[in-house]
Amino acid sequence: MPISIISPTQGRDTLARMLDSAGPLADGDEWLVMVDTLDMTSDELMRIAGLCEPYRATAIPFAADAHDWGHSQLNKGLDLAEPGNYIVFNDDDDIFAPGA
């Protein structure tokens, strides 16, 4: 069964490490990187989209409320995830365990 990975981010430096820890996605899997654009420039958003591209992850701009801590980003990611997929949440400062 396909998997939807939903990762909220504020564009921290740890995002690249988290993306790299997952390894390649299987066919049918999707990765939605919900980018909090509240205090972000368009250059920063383009940088994040560039980081996501090699991992087949989609950077989705989303202006979360201040002090939201990613909750509304996760909820929006759930709305956008492919129906019927298993859901995995992984924050931008976490990493996947090897082999996960």
Protein backbone atom coordinates (compact mmCIF):
# COMPACT_ATOMS: atom_id res chain seq x y z
CA MET A 1 0.00 0.00 0.00
CA PRO A 2 1.37 3.47 -0.86
CA ILE A 3 2.64 5.85 1.79
CA SER A 4 2.18 9.61 2.15
CA ILE A 5 4.96 11.28 4.12
CA ILE A 6 3.98 14.67 5.50
CA SER A 7 6.79 16.89 6.80
CA PRO A 8 6.19 20.39 8.16
CA THR A 9 9.13 22.75 7.85
CA GLN A 10 10.13 26.31 8.52
CA GLY A 11 13.13 25.92 6.25
CA ARG A 12 15.60 24.95 8.96
CA ASP A 13 19.07 23.70 8.04
CA THR A 14 18.04 20.23 9.28
CA LEU A 15 15.60 19.72 6.39
CA ALA A 16 18.27 18.40 4.00
CA ARG A 17 19.45 15.86 6.60
CA MET A 18 15.88 14.63 7.14
CA LEU A 19 15.21 14.32 3.40
CA ASP A 20 18.46 12.42 2.92
CA SER A 21 17.65 9.98 5.72
CA ALA A 22 14.57 8.56 3.97
CA GLY A 23 16.19 7.10 0.89
CA PRO A 24 14.25 6.60 -2.34
CA LEU A 25 10.47 6.51 -2.36
CA ALA A 26 8.68 3.48 -3.75
CA ASP A 27 6.39 3.88 -6.75
CA GLY A 28 3.07 5.32 -5.64
CA ASP A 29 4.48 6.94 -2.49
CA GLU A 30 4.31 10.70 -2.06
CA TRP A 31 6.15 13.20 0.10
CA LEU A 32 4.46 16.47 0.99
CA VAL A 33 6.80 19.02 2.56
CA MET A 34 4.49 21.63 4.06
CA VAL A 35 6.52 24.85 4.03
CA ASP A 36 5.52 27.50 6.58
CA THR A 37 5.78 30.70 4.55
CA LEU A 38 4.67 33.06 7.34
CA ASP A 39 8.07 34.80 7.57
CA MET A 40 9.72 33.41 4.44
CA THR A 41 11.02 35.08 1.29
CA SER A 42 10.38 33.69 -2.18
CA ASP A 43 14.12 32.91 -2.45
CA GLU A 44 13.92 30.74 0.67
CA LEU A 45 10.88 28.94 -0.73
CA MET A 46 12.74 28.27 -4.00
CA ARG A 47 15.72 26.92 -2.02
CA ILE A 48 13.46 24.50 -0.17
CA ALA A 49 11.76 23.39 -3.40
CA GLY A 50 15.23 22.72 -4.83
CA LEU A 51 16.16 20.62 -1.78
CA CYS A 52 12.97 18.56 -2.17
CA GLU A 53 13.20 17.88 -5.90
CA PRO A 54 15.87 15.12 -5.88
CA TYR A 55 13.80 13.21 -3.30
CA ARG A 56 10.57 13.40 -5.32
CA ALA A 57 9.15 15.48 -2.47
CA THR A 58 6.73 18.29 -3.22
CA ALA A 59 7.27 21.59 -1.40
CA ILE A 60 3.82 23.05 -0.68
CA PRO A 61 3.69 26.67 0.53
CA PHE A 62 1.35 27.15 3.47
CA ALA A 63 1.11 30.23 5.70
CA ALA A 64 0.59 28.80 9.17
CA ASP A 65 -0.47 30.92 12.11
CA ALA A 66 2.22 32.26 14.43
CA HIS A 67 3.23 29.80 17.19
CA ASP A 68 1.46 26.95 15.39
CA TRP A 69 4.38 24.48 15.72
CA GLY A 70 3.40 22.68 12.49
CA HIS A 71 -0.06 21.51 13.54
CA SER A 72 -2.01 23.29 10.79
CA GLN A 73 0.65 22.20 8.27
CA LEU A 74 0.07 18.56 9.23
CA ASN A 75 -3.69 18.99 8.96
CA LYS A 76 -3.37 20.61 5.52
CA GLY A 77 -1.04 17.79 4.46
CA LEU A 78 -3.69 15.27 5.52
CA ASP A 79 -6.22 17.10 3.33
CA LEU A 80 -3.84 16.91 0.34
CA ALA A 81 -2.56 13.35 0.83
CA GLU A 82 -3.63 10.71 -1.63
CA PRO A 83 -6.74 8.90 -0.26
CA GLY A 84 -6.10 5.37 0.95
CA ASN A 85 -2.40 5.86 1.63
CA TYR A 86 -0.73 5.09 4.91
CA ILE A 87 0.35 8.33 6.59
CA VAL A 88 3.77 9.06 8.08
CA PHE A 89 4.59 12.34 9.85
CA ASN A 90 8.23 13.38 10.09
CA ASP A 91 9.34 16.83 11.26
CA ASP A 92 12.16 18.64 9.50
CA ASP A 93 14.50 18.15 12.47
CA ASP A 94 13.93 14.37 12.71
CA ILE A 95 15.53 11.62 10.69
CA PHE A 96 14.28 8.23 9.54
CA ALA A 97 15.95 5.22 11.12
CA PRO A 98 18.14 3.29 8.68
CA GLY A 99 16.00 0.83 6.74
CA ALA A 100 12.73 2.50 7.72
